[in-house]
Structures are given as C-alpha cells and as structure tokens.
Amino acid sequence: MDKKALAVIYQGVPGDILLSIAEKKTSKEAWNAVKTMSLGADKVKVAKA
C-alpha cells in the first residue's frame, strides 16, 4: 500500500521536487518533504505581498 501511495506522490509533483523526494523510502517521508517545500514557497509569496 505504501508503494502505491509513493507512486501517486511521484506522479503528482513537478520534476524539480521529484528529484529531491526520490531518495525517500516511505510515502510519509516523501509527503512531509513536499509539505515542507510548499510551506517555504507560501512564506515567500506572503513576504512578497
């Protein structure tokens, strides 16, 4: 089940993020990495506004 979830995460992210999460072993690790990257992008958007 975890491998299916990891595959879905891989399919749903852009290539630059995919390269950084490719080394993650579980879907939870990969998802947390994606959330962390997105959080940084949101803070930049708020700071620019």
C-alpha atoms as a PDB file:
ATOM      1  CA  MET A   1       0.000   0.000   0.000  1.00  0.00           C
ATOM      2  CA  ASP A   2       2.836   2.383   0.840  1.00  0.00           C
ATOM      3  CA  LYS A   3       4.475   1.822  -2.549  1.00  0.00           C
ATOM      4  CA  LYS A   4       1.229   2.771  -4.309  1.00  0.00           C
ATOM      5  CA  ALA A   5       0.957   5.954  -2.260  1.00  0.00           C
ATOM      6  CA  LEU A   6       4.585   6.796  -3.020  1.00  0.00           C
ATOM      7  CA  ALA A   7       3.964   6.253  -6.733  1.00  0.00           C
ATOM      8  CA  VAL A   8       0.966   8.600  -6.652  1.00  0.00           C
ATOM      9  CA  ILE A   9       3.027  11.280  -4.914  1.00  0.00           C
ATOM     10  CA  TYR A  10       5.745  10.899  -7.560  1.00  0.00           C
ATOM     11  CA  GLN A  11       3.171  11.324 -10.341  1.00  0.00           C
ATOM     12  CA  GLY A  12       1.691  14.442  -8.817  1.00  0.00           C
ATOM     13  CA  VAL A  13       4.782  16.563  -8.242  1.00  0.00           C
ATOM     14  CA  PRO A  14       6.858  18.596 -10.693  1.00  0.00           C
ATOM     15  CA  GLY A  15      10.241  17.314 -11.827  1.00  0.00           C
ATOM     16  CA  ASP A  16      12.356  19.553  -9.597  1.00  0.00           C
ATOM     17  CA  ILE A  17      10.552  18.354  -6.473  1.00  0.00           C
ATOM     18  CA  LEU A  18      10.586  14.775  -7.716  1.00  0.00           C
ATOM     19  CA  LEU A  19      14.369  14.792  -7.778  1.00  0.00           C
ATOM     20  CA  SER A  20      14.526  15.844  -4.140  1.00  0.00           C
ATOM     21  CA  ILE A  21      11.999  13.295  -2.869  1.00  0.00           C
ATOM     22  CA  ALA A  22      13.227  10.365  -4.968  1.00  0.00           C
ATOM     23  CA  GLU A  23      15.504   9.199  -2.148  1.00  0.00           C
ATOM     24  CA  LYS A  24      12.672   8.946   0.391  1.00  0.00           C
ATOM     25  CA  LYS A  25      11.821   5.399   1.454  1.00  0.00           C
ATOM     26  CA  THR A  26       8.207   5.835   2.563  1.00  0.00           C
ATOM     27  CA  SER A  27       5.230   7.832   1.377  1.00  0.00           C
ATOM     28  CA  LYS A  28       5.097   9.645   4.742  1.00  0.00           C
ATOM     29  CA  GLU A  29       8.694  10.858   4.350  1.00  0.00           C
ATOM     30  CA  ALA A  30       8.015  11.967   0.772  1.00  0.00           C
ATOM     31  CA  TRP A  31       4.780  13.749   1.709  1.00  0.00           C
ATOM     32  CA  ASN A  32       6.433  15.566   4.604  1.00  0.00           C
ATOM     33  CA  ALA A  33       9.213  16.723   2.268  1.00  0.00           C
ATOM     34  CA  VAL A  34       6.648  18.035  -0.243  1.00  0.00           C
ATOM     35  CA  LYS A  35       4.759  19.848   2.535  1.00  0.00           C
ATOM     36  CA  THR A  36       7.981  21.429   3.798  1.00  0.00           C
ATOM     37  CA  MET A  37       8.907  22.638   0.317  1.00  0.00           C
ATOM     38  CA  SER A  38       5.414  24.047  -0.236  1.00  0.00           C
ATOM     39  CA  LEU A  39       5.445  25.801   3.116  1.00  0.00           C
ATOM     40  CA  GLY A  40       8.605  27.644   2.117  1.00  0.00           C
ATOM     41  CA  ALA A  41       7.017  28.741  -1.169  1.00  0.00           C
ATOM     42  CA  ASP A  42       3.925  30.033   0.638  1.00  0.00           C
ATOM     43  CA  LYS A  43       6.047  32.089   3.026  1.00  0.00           C
ATOM     44  CA  VAL A  44       7.867  33.651   0.085  1.00  0.00           C
ATOM     45  CA  LYS A  45       4.537  34.572  -1.541  1.00  0.00           C
ATOM     46  CA  VAL A  46       3.343  36.224   1.674  1.00  0.00           C
ATOM     47  CA  ALA A  47       6.618  38.081   2.138  1.00  0.00           C
ATOM     48  CA  LYS A  48       6.483  39.450  -1.417  1.00  0.00           C
ATOM     49  CA  ALA A  49       2.894  40.615  -0.949  1.00  0.00           C
END
